[in-house]
Each structure stands twice: as C-alpha cells, then as structure tokens.
C-alpha cells in the first residue's frame, strides 16, 4: 500500500531547494491541470481525425465497404479516447494510433491522423527514449508490411500505400523527435532535483550527527567534571563534619570551596559552545587537567592516592587532555567504589610511541559495574585518541584501570570506538 504525498509535504520538501518557478503562464497552467490538458488534446485530435475518416474509399466491395464505414469512425473515437491515459499508459494510445493508421490505408487520398504524433510524443516523454524509437520502428515496419500486402492483393494502389506510409513516417518521426528532446530534458531535471533533495537530506543528517557527537562530548565532559568534583566535595564535607579540630574542618571546607570554584570554571569554559553568538567558541576546556592536580585534590580529600611517573615525552594538547580526563575519572571511580582502599596508585609510563596510564586500588568489594557512563566515556575518549582502555580485577584482589594511548596520531579511519575487553 502506497502512502499519498500531499502537496503541502512536497512544498516543504522543496523549500530548501529554492526551485525557480516554471517559465510561462500557459506552461504553469498545463502543469497544474494535466487532466484539462489531456481532455483538450483529445478533443482536438478527435476533430482533426474525423474529417479524413469520412474520405474512406467507396470502391470497396459492399460488405467490406459497410464494415469499413462503421469501423473507421468508431476506431477514431476509441483511439482518441486512449489519449486520456497517455501519461500513465503511453503504450496504449501508441498501439491504437498505428492501428488507426492501418485503417486509413483504405482512404481515397493519403491521410494521417494527428493522434499518431501525440502518441509518439507521449511514449518518448512518459516512458523512455529507447521505448519510443523501438516502438516507432516496429510500428512503421508493421504498417509498411501491411501496405505492401494490400498493394500486392490489389486492395489499394501503390501510390496510396506509399503516401500513407510516408505520412505516418513524418508524423511519427516529428512526434518522437520532439518527445525525445522534451522527455530527456524532463528526466534530467527530475534527476537533478532528486539529487538535490538527497544532498539536502544528507546535509541535515550530517548536521544531526555532528550535533549528536557534540552532545555526547559535552555529556562526557560534564560527567568527568561533575562526578570528580562532587566526589571530592562530598569527601571533604564529610571530613569537615566529622573532625572535631576546627582548623582541619576549616581547611577541608576551603578545599571543598576551591574544588567547586575550579569545577565551575571548567563548566563555564566547556558550556561556552552552547552560546548562540558569532564569536569563536572553544570546543574543549581551555587547558587539560594535569594528573598531578587530580592526585593533589584527592589527597586533600583524605584518600591515599600516589602518583609515579616513568619517562618523559612531548605530547599534544589533545592527548594531554585525554590523559588528564582518564586519570581524573579513574581516581574518581576509585574514590567512589573503593572508599576503604588503603592504596590508590596512579602510574604514568611515557614511552617513545605511547603513553600508558595505570590506576590500581585495593578497596573494591563486591561486583563492579563495567557499563556505566563514565567507563563508556573513557572508552570513547581513548578510541578518539587511537588507544585502548581496560578495566578489570588483577592479582591479590586489586582493581586496575589501564589505558594505552599512542603518541603519534593514528589514521582517522581507525579511530572508531571499541568495546572495552
């Protein structure tokens, strides 16, 4: 079952194309009223074809003359009526017009019906140029064969047969040539418009994909900022409330306020991409979060976090940002899921072609989820940098988050997100 397309839907689809108006008042009128155009063409062809229909020879034998006198006008009316279906079924009036030309072989004078011109034109426009030329060739060959047979049997003279075939040839050739020209242009314009619609749809899809990717990036950044900062703030606030020492409580409260201000600054810098002005906006926080700062904040919150760095390397800002976020999320997960940990180790290993991050803790108890938004964001971040990341238990009841990021940028075709093992 096909769904009808309303005119308003078609107009909305073409709004982005900005198509010009068709030239000419009459052409626009016929384009908007195809039924009226077909009726007018049918009436004109009927009037022009009935006149030669009365010139059928009267020298035929009596039974044949009566039959021809009745058959030819009826055939003219029927053939002209088939023009009403020339747009949907152009082959029907085409065959009927050549059948009518075969009946006109019995005329006293060589005549041709204009319906043949219209039917050849319609076949070329509404079917194809190949179908028009093939049909025209078959039709003329069949008509010539019939005329030759009637000439050999003495029913008609050679002059009438030749004139009738030539007249049909001229009318059909004119209609086919015009139809091939108009039909080819029509199909070309339809293909161009269709391609323009496809490009318009693809442009909208690309915009939607870009927006979805940007929303995912913003959500990932928001999760890293809010999750880490709130975890530290909660820990500092609980420590300030639990300690009887006012100096330590004041220090914890100050650290919580400093963490909140830092998170607010990062959020403002990152949310700048959502503004609607014309100023150039950053697509990432202004500076990457150093792993040393993440460790220092966790230490101020009272967590046993240590940092060890092996080797040195010059890395890009994007890689530094990914490295800082991975350390931040890994330490945050350890603080949230292993509050009783006695050791949270952060290891940075710089090699000539890669950077390895390992975050180990010994305080995980019970099952640990591996499908959360934070871990999914880490997988996406590592894949965007061309690296891999794993999160799994290791020996002696410890849990390790391990990421390996290449120093040299990978091929963009290979930077698709991969599931964590």
Protein backbone atom coordinates (compact mmCIF):
# COMPACT_ATOMS: atom_id res chain seq x y z
CA UNK A 1 0.00 0.00 0.00
CA UNK A 2 1.45 3.33 -1.04
CA UNK A 3 1.15 6.43 1.10
CA UNK A 4 -0.11 9.50 -0.81
CA UNK A 5 2.12 12.55 -0.67
CA UNK A 6 0.19 15.74 -0.05
CA UNK A 7 1.02 18.96 -1.86
CA UNK A 8 1.99 20.63 1.43
CA UNK A 9 4.51 17.85 2.13
CA UNK A 10 6.00 18.27 -1.36
CA UNK A 11 6.23 22.03 -0.85
CA UNK A 12 8.03 21.55 2.47
CA UNK A 13 10.50 19.15 0.84
CA UNK A 14 11.27 21.67 -1.92
CA UNK A 15 11.58 24.69 0.39
CA UNK A 16 15.27 24.02 1.00
CA UNK A 17 15.91 23.61 -2.74
CA UNK A 18 14.56 27.07 -3.65
CA UNK A 19 13.44 25.95 -7.08
CA UNK A 20 12.57 28.69 -9.59
CA UNK A 21 9.05 28.99 -10.95
CA UNK A 22 8.46 27.26 -14.31
CA UNK A 23 8.53 29.82 -17.16
CA UNK A 24 5.34 30.84 -18.94
CA UNK A 25 1.80 31.24 -17.68
CA UNK A 26 0.35 28.59 -20.01
CA UNK A 27 3.06 26.08 -19.15
CA UNK A 28 2.41 26.51 -15.43
CA UNK A 29 -1.32 26.16 -16.03
CA UNK A 30 -0.95 22.91 -18.00
CA UNK A 31 1.48 21.57 -15.40
CA UNK A 32 -1.02 22.22 -12.62
CA UNK A 33 -4.01 20.86 -14.58
CA UNK A 34 -2.85 17.77 -16.51
CA UNK A 35 -6.39 16.36 -16.86
CA UNK A 36 -7.61 19.54 -18.56
CA UNK A 37 -4.65 19.41 -20.93
CA UNK A 38 -5.35 15.77 -21.86
CA UNK A 39 -9.04 16.48 -22.48
CA UNK A 40 -8.24 19.44 -24.75
CA UNK A 41 -5.66 17.41 -26.72
CA UNK A 42 -8.11 14.51 -27.06
CA UNK A 43 -10.87 16.76 -28.42
CA UNK A 44 -8.54 18.44 -30.94
CA UNK A 45 -7.25 15.08 -32.19
CA UNK A 46 -10.82 13.77 -32.46
CA UNK A 47 -11.96 16.73 -34.56
CA UNK A 48 -8.92 16.57 -36.84
CA UNK A 49 -9.21 12.79 -37.31
CA UNK A 50 -12.95 12.53 -38.01
CA UNK A 51 -12.62 14.59 -41.19
CA UNK A 52 -10.26 12.18 -43.01
CA UNK A 53 -12.29 9.28 -41.66
CA UNK A 54 -15.11 10.30 -44.00
CA UNK A 55 -12.82 10.05 -47.03
CA UNK A 56 -12.65 6.27 -46.94
CA UNK A 57 -12.92 4.82 -50.43
CA UNK A 58 -16.35 3.74 -51.61
CA UNK A 59 -14.99 1.41 -54.34
CA UNK A 60 -14.70 -1.50 -51.96
CA UNK A 61 -17.00 -4.49 -52.20
CA UNK A 62 -20.32 -3.88 -50.49
CA UNK A 63 -19.83 -5.97 -47.31
CA UNK A 64 -16.31 -4.63 -46.85
CA UNK A 65 -17.35 -1.02 -47.58
CA UNK A 66 -20.12 -1.10 -44.94
CA UNK A 67 -17.79 -2.64 -42.37
CA UNK A 68 -15.07 -0.10 -43.03
CA UNK A 69 -17.57 2.81 -42.95
CA UNK A 70 -18.71 1.73 -39.46
CA UNK A 71 -15.34 0.62 -38.13
CA UNK A 72 -13.22 3.64 -39.04
CA UNK A 73 -15.24 6.38 -37.17
CA UNK A 74 -15.57 4.09 -34.15
CA UNK A 75 -11.84 3.41 -34.27
CA UNK A 76 -11.12 7.15 -34.45
CA UNK A 77 -13.23 7.82 -31.34
CA UNK A 78 -11.69 4.92 -29.44
CA UNK A 79 -8.15 5.82 -30.40
CA UNK A 80 -8.58 9.44 -29.39
CA UNK A 81 -10.13 8.35 -26.10
CA UNK A 82 -6.96 6.40 -25.27
CA UNK A 83 -5.07 9.71 -25.15
CA UNK A 84 -6.63 10.28 -21.73
CA UNK A 85 -4.27 7.56 -20.44
CA UNK A 86 -1.20 8.75 -22.31
CA UNK A 87 0.63 9.78 -19.12
CA UNK A 88 0.08 6.56 -17.15
CA UNK A 89 -0.03 4.05 -20.02
CA UNK A 90 1.58 5.69 -23.09
CA UNK A 91 1.89 2.40 -24.93
CA UNK A 92 -1.91 2.03 -25.24
CA UNK A 93 -2.54 5.15 -27.40
CA UNK A 94 0.66 4.41 -29.32
CA UNK A 95 -0.55 0.96 -30.45
CA UNK A 96 -4.07 2.28 -31.08
CA UNK A 97 -2.76 5.13 -33.27
CA UNK A 98 -0.83 2.75 -35.54
CA UNK A 99 -3.92 0.51 -35.78
CA UNK A 100 -5.87 3.58 -36.89
CA UNK A 101 -3.22 4.39 -39.48
CA UNK A 102 -3.67 0.86 -40.84
CA UNK A 103 -7.39 1.55 -41.33
CA UNK A 104 -6.59 4.81 -43.11
CA UNK A 105 -4.87 2.80 -45.83
CA UNK A 106 -8.36 2.42 -47.32
CA UNK A 107 -8.73 6.19 -47.82
CA UNK A 108 -9.02 7.69 -51.29
CA UNK A 109 -6.27 10.18 -50.54
CA UNK A 110 -3.18 9.76 -48.36
CA UNK A 111 -4.08 10.99 -44.87
CA UNK A 112 -2.58 10.85 -41.42
CA UNK A 113 -4.14 11.28 -38.00
CA UNK A 114 -2.56 13.77 -35.54
CA UNK A 115 -3.16 11.21 -32.80
CA UNK A 116 -0.07 9.39 -34.09
CA UNK A 117 2.07 12.46 -33.48
CA UNK A 118 0.71 12.86 -29.93
CA UNK A 119 1.08 9.17 -29.07
CA UNK A 120 4.70 9.04 -30.29
CA UNK A 121 5.45 12.16 -28.29
CA UNK A 122 3.80 10.72 -25.17
CA UNK A 123 5.69 7.44 -25.41
CA UNK A 124 9.03 9.28 -25.54
CA UNK A 125 8.17 11.64 -22.67
CA UNK A 126 6.39 9.32 -20.23
CA UNK A 127 8.20 6.06 -20.92
CA UNK A 128 11.71 6.40 -22.37
CA UNK A 129 13.57 7.45 -25.49
CA UNK A 130 14.57 3.87 -26.16
CA UNK A 131 10.97 2.68 -25.97
CA UNK A 132 9.89 5.50 -28.31
CA UNK A 133 12.44 4.67 -31.01
CA UNK A 134 11.85 0.93 -30.69
CA UNK A 135 8.09 1.30 -30.86
CA UNK A 136 8.29 3.77 -33.73
CA UNK A 137 10.47 1.42 -35.75
CA UNK A 138 8.22 -1.58 -35.13
CA UNK A 139 5.10 0.44 -35.90
CA UNK A 140 6.38 1.83 -39.21
CA UNK A 141 7.71 -1.57 -40.27
CA UNK A 142 4.37 -3.24 -39.49
CA UNK A 143 2.43 -0.52 -41.31
CA UNK A 144 4.71 -0.80 -44.37
CA UNK A 145 4.33 -4.60 -44.41
CA UNK A 146 0.54 -4.30 -44.27
CA UNK A 147 0.51 -1.66 -47.00
CA UNK A 148 2.70 -3.87 -49.17
CA UNK A 149 0.40 -6.84 -48.67
CA UNK A 150 -2.69 -4.80 -49.57
CA UNK A 151 -0.91 -3.46 -52.65
CA UNK A 152 0.07 -6.91 -53.83
CA UNK A 153 -3.51 -8.16 -53.38
CA UNK A 154 -4.88 -5.19 -55.34
CA UNK A 155 -6.95 -3.76 -52.49
CA UNK A 156 -5.14 -0.39 -52.65
CA UNK A 157 -2.82 1.21 -55.16
CA UNK A 158 0.91 1.57 -54.71
CA UNK A 159 0.63 5.36 -54.60
CA UNK A 160 -1.89 5.28 -51.73
CA UNK A 161 0.24 2.76 -49.82
CA UNK A 162 3.44 4.77 -50.29
CA UNK A 163 1.79 8.10 -49.41
CA UNK A 164 0.14 6.63 -46.29
CA UNK A 165 3.41 5.11 -45.04
CA UNK A 166 5.35 8.32 -45.72
CA UNK A 167 2.70 10.43 -43.96
CA UNK A 168 2.79 8.16 -40.91
CA UNK A 169 6.57 8.19 -41.01
CA UNK A 170 6.68 12.01 -40.99
CA UNK A 171 4.09 12.42 -38.23
CA UNK A 172 5.62 9.73 -36.04
CA UNK A 173 9.15 10.99 -36.59
CA UNK A 174 8.20 14.56 -35.65
CA UNK A 175 6.40 13.40 -32.51
CA UNK A 176 9.24 11.08 -31.50
CA UNK A 177 11.96 13.69 -32.02
CA UNK A 178 10.09 16.32 -30.01
CA UNK A 179 9.21 13.77 -27.32
CA UNK A 180 12.78 12.52 -27.02
CA UNK A 181 14.02 16.09 -26.58
CA UNK A 182 11.34 17.07 -24.04
CA UNK A 183 11.44 13.72 -22.23
CA UNK A 184 15.22 13.73 -21.94
CA UNK A 185 15.19 17.23 -20.50
CA UNK A 186 12.36 16.31 -18.15
CA UNK A 187 14.15 13.23 -16.84
CA UNK A 188 17.40 15.14 -16.50
CA UNK A 189 15.74 17.87 -14.43
CA UNK A 190 13.98 15.23 -12.32
CA UNK A 191 17.32 13.52 -11.67
CA UNK A 192 18.96 16.84 -10.75
CA UNK A 193 16.13 17.75 -8.38
CA UNK A 194 16.17 14.28 -6.84
CA UNK A 195 19.91 14.51 -6.30
CA UNK A 196 19.45 17.95 -4.75
CA UNK A 197 16.89 16.51 -2.35
CA UNK A 198 19.31 13.72 -1.44
CA UNK A 199 22.07 16.24 -0.79
CA UNK A 200 19.68 18.29 1.34
CA UNK A 201 18.77 15.22 3.38
CA UNK A 202 22.42 14.21 3.70
CA UNK A 203 23.30 17.73 4.85
CA UNK A 204 20.62 17.58 7.55
CA UNK A 205 21.79 14.11 8.58
CA UNK A 206 25.38 15.29 8.82
CA UNK A 207 24.24 18.22 10.96
CA UNK A 208 22.29 15.87 13.21
CA UNK A 209 25.27 13.53 13.52
CA UNK A 210 27.54 16.46 14.34
CA UNK A 211 25.05 17.71 16.94
CA UNK A 212 24.76 14.23 18.44
CA UNK A 213 28.53 13.91 18.61
CA UNK A 214 28.82 17.32 20.25
CA UNK A 215 26.11 16.44 22.77
CA UNK A 216 27.97 13.22 23.59
CA UNK A 217 31.21 15.16 24.01
CA UNK A 218 29.56 17.73 26.26
CA UNK A 219 27.88 14.97 28.28
CA UNK A 220 31.23 13.19 28.66
CA UNK A 221 32.96 16.38 29.80
CA UNK A 222 30.12 17.23 32.17
CA UNK A 223 30.25 13.76 33.68
CA UNK A 224 34.00 13.96 34.24
CA UNK A 225 33.84 17.43 35.77
CA UNK A 226 30.74 16.97 37.93
CA UNK A 227 31.46 13.40 39.02
CA UNK A 228 35.03 14.08 40.09
CA UNK A 229 34.34 17.43 41.70
CA UNK A 230 31.26 16.32 43.61
CA UNK A 231 33.02 13.19 44.82
CA UNK A 232 35.85 15.31 46.22
CA UNK A 233 33.44 17.89 47.66
CA UNK A 234 31.40 15.18 49.38
CA UNK A 235 34.52 13.62 50.86
CA UNK A 236 35.83 16.98 52.08
CA UNK A 237 32.45 17.97 53.50
CA UNK A 238 32.08 14.68 55.37
CA UNK A 239 35.61 15.04 56.72
CA UNK A 240 34.92 18.60 57.86
CA UNK A 241 31.74 17.50 59.60
CA UNK A 242 33.41 14.50 61.26
CA UNK A 243 36.59 16.11 62.61
CA UNK A 244 36.48 17.91 65.99
CA UNK A 245 39.51 20.01 65.03
CA UNK A 246 38.24 23.41 63.78
CA UNK A 247 41.46 24.05 61.88
CA UNK A 248 41.13 20.81 59.88
CA UNK A 249 37.42 21.48 59.35
CA UNK A 250 38.21 24.95 58.05
CA UNK A 251 40.90 23.53 55.74
CA UNK A 252 38.52 20.88 54.40
CA UNK A 253 35.80 23.48 53.80
CA UNK A 254 38.24 25.73 51.97
CA UNK A 255 39.39 22.82 49.82
CA UNK A 256 35.76 21.97 49.01
CA UNK A 257 35.08 25.58 48.00
CA UNK A 258 38.23 25.65 45.87
CA UNK A 259 37.22 22.41 44.15
CA UNK A 260 33.74 23.79 43.49
CA UNK A 261 35.14 27.01 42.02
CA UNK A 262 37.52 25.04 39.78
CA UNK A 263 34.67 22.84 38.57
CA UNK A 264 32.52 25.91 37.92
CA UNK A 265 35.30 27.50 35.85
CA UNK A 266 35.67 24.34 33.76
CA UNK A 267 31.92 24.09 33.23
CA UNK A 268 31.70 27.71 32.10
CA UNK A 269 34.55 27.21 29.62
CA UNK A 270 33.03 23.99 28.29
CA UNK A 271 29.43 25.24 28.13
CA UNK A 272 30.58 28.20 26.04
CA UNK A 273 29.99 26.05 22.97
CA UNK A 274 26.25 26.25 23.65
CA UNK A 275 26.13 30.02 23.25
CA UNK A 276 24.40 31.45 20.18
CA UNK A 277 26.62 34.45 19.37
CA UNK A 278 29.04 34.72 16.47
CA UNK A 279 32.25 34.79 18.49
CA UNK A 280 34.67 31.88 18.06
CA UNK A 281 33.96 29.37 20.82
CA UNK A 282 36.25 26.71 22.29
CA UNK A 283 35.37 23.12 21.53
CA UNK A 284 37.16 21.88 24.66
CA UNK A 285 38.28 23.25 28.06
CA UNK A 286 40.98 25.83 27.71
CA UNK A 287 43.65 23.72 29.43
CA UNK A 288 43.89 19.99 30.09
CA UNK A 289 43.57 18.84 33.70
CA UNK A 290 47.04 17.73 34.88
CA UNK A 291 47.17 14.33 36.59
CA UNK A 292 49.21 15.95 39.37
CA UNK A 293 46.32 18.28 40.18
CA UNK A 294 43.83 15.40 40.25
CA UNK A 295 46.05 13.47 42.65
CA UNK A 296 46.61 16.52 44.84
CA UNK A 297 42.86 17.19 45.12
CA UNK A 298 42.20 13.55 46.06
CA UNK A 299 44.97 13.70 48.65
CA UNK A 300 43.46 16.83 50.20
CA UNK A 301 40.18 14.93 50.45
CA UNK A 302 41.97 12.30 52.54
CA UNK A 303 42.36 9.49 50.01
CA UNK A 304 45.64 7.53 49.85
CA UNK A 305 46.48 8.43 46.28
CA UNK A 306 50.04 8.29 44.98
CA UNK A 307 51.48 9.25 41.60
CA UNK A 308 54.50 7.79 39.87
CA UNK A 309 55.83 8.98 36.51
CA UNK A 310 58.26 6.99 34.38
CA UNK A 311 59.96 8.60 31.41
CA UNK A 312 59.15 11.82 29.58
CA UNK A 313 57.57 12.64 26.24
CA UNK A 314 56.30 15.62 24.33
CA UNK A 315 52.60 15.07 23.69
CA UNK A 316 49.89 17.14 22.03
CA UNK A 317 47.29 19.18 23.88
CA UNK A 318 44.52 16.80 22.80
CA UNK A 319 46.44 13.81 24.16
CA UNK A 320 47.22 15.71 27.38
CA UNK A 321 43.52 16.47 27.77
CA UNK A 322 42.56 12.81 27.23
CA UNK A 323 45.30 11.72 29.64
CA UNK A 324 44.11 14.12 32.31
CA UNK A 325 40.46 13.06 31.95
CA UNK A 326 41.34 9.37 32.13
CA UNK A 327 43.33 9.90 35.35
CA UNK A 328 40.54 12.06 36.74
CA UNK A 329 37.81 9.51 36.00
CA UNK A 330 39.92 6.60 37.22
CA UNK A 331 40.72 8.28 40.54
CA UNK A 332 37.07 9.34 40.91
CA UNK A 333 35.87 5.76 40.36
CA UNK A 334 38.37 4.53 42.97
CA UNK A 335 37.18 7.16 45.44
CA UNK A 336 33.53 6.26 44.86
CA UNK A 337 33.69 2.47 44.60
CA UNK A 338 36.63 1.81 46.92
CA UNK A 339 36.19 4.18 49.87
CA UNK A 340 38.06 1.75 52.18
CA UNK A 341 41.08 1.45 49.90
CA UNK A 342 44.46 1.63 51.59
CA UNK A 343 46.26 2.42 48.38
CA UNK A 344 45.28 4.12 45.11
CA UNK A 345 48.25 4.13 42.75
CA UNK A 346 48.41 6.25 39.61
CA UNK A 347 51.18 5.28 37.21
CA UNK A 348 52.16 7.24 34.11
CA UNK A 349 54.60 5.47 31.80
CA UNK A 350 55.90 7.55 28.88
CA UNK A 351 57.42 5.53 26.04
CA UNK A 352 58.71 6.61 22.65
CA UNK A 353 55.47 5.75 20.86
CA UNK A 354 52.81 5.56 23.58
CA UNK A 355 51.68 6.67 26.99
CA UNK A 356 50.38 4.09 29.47
CA UNK A 357 48.13 5.00 32.38
CA UNK A 358 47.51 2.53 35.20
CA UNK A 359 45.28 3.21 38.21
CA UNK A 360 45.18 0.47 40.84
CA UNK A 361 43.29 0.26 44.13
CA UNK A 362 42.81 -2.45 46.73
CA UNK A 363 39.48 -1.43 48.20
CA UNK A 364 36.94 -2.84 45.76
CA UNK A 365 34.33 -5.04 47.45
CA UNK A 366 31.54 -6.84 45.62
CA UNK A 367 30.77 -6.65 41.89
CA UNK A 368 31.86 -3.57 40.00
CA UNK A 369 29.87 -2.35 37.01
CA UNK A 370 31.62 -2.10 33.67
CA UNK A 371 28.87 -0.47 31.61
CA UNK A 372 28.48 2.88 33.35
CA UNK A 373 28.51 6.22 31.61
CA UNK A 374 31.94 7.09 33.00
CA UNK A 375 33.64 3.96 31.67
CA UNK A 376 31.84 4.30 28.34
CA UNK A 377 33.10 7.87 28.11
CA UNK A 378 36.65 6.68 28.84
CA UNK A 379 36.40 4.06 26.09
CA UNK A 380 35.20 6.71 23.63
CA UNK A 381 37.91 9.14 24.72
CA UNK A 382 40.66 6.54 24.39
CA UNK A 383 39.35 5.40 20.99
CA UNK A 384 39.22 9.00 19.78
CA UNK A 385 42.93 9.27 20.59
CA UNK A 386 43.62 5.97 18.83
CA UNK A 387 44.22 3.98 22.02
CA UNK A 388 42.59 1.27 24.11
CA UNK A 389 41.40 1.02 27.69
CA UNK A 390 40.60 -1.87 30.02
CA UNK A 391 39.06 -2.05 33.48
CA UNK A 392 39.32 -5.39 35.27
CA UNK A 393 40.40 -7.12 38.50
CA UNK A 394 44.04 -8.15 38.86
CA UNK A 395 46.03 -10.20 41.35
CA UNK A 396 45.54 -10.03 45.15
CA UNK A 397 42.03 -8.58 44.95
CA UNK A 398 43.09 -5.35 43.32
CA UNK A 399 41.31 -3.48 40.50
CA UNK A 400 43.17 -1.83 37.66
CA UNK A 401 42.15 0.70 35.05
CA UNK A 402 44.70 0.65 32.23
CA UNK A 403 44.83 2.88 29.15
CA UNK A 404 47.39 2.91 26.36
CA UNK A 405 47.42 5.95 24.09
CA UNK A 406 49.72 6.37 21.06
CA UNK A 407 51.91 9.44 20.95
CA UNK A 408 51.67 9.71 17.16
CA UNK A 409 48.13 10.36 15.85
CA UNK A 410 46.51 7.29 14.31
CA UNK A 411 44.68 7.07 11.00
CA UNK A 412 41.19 8.62 11.35
CA UNK A 413 39.66 5.51 9.78
CA UNK A 414 40.98 3.50 12.74
CA UNK A 415 39.64 5.82 15.44
CA UNK A 416 36.26 4.16 15.80
CA UNK A 417 35.18 3.43 19.40
CA UNK A 418 35.93 -0.11 20.51
CA UNK A 419 34.29 -2.01 23.37
CA UNK A 420 36.46 -2.47 26.41
CA UNK A 421 37.67 -6.03 26.89
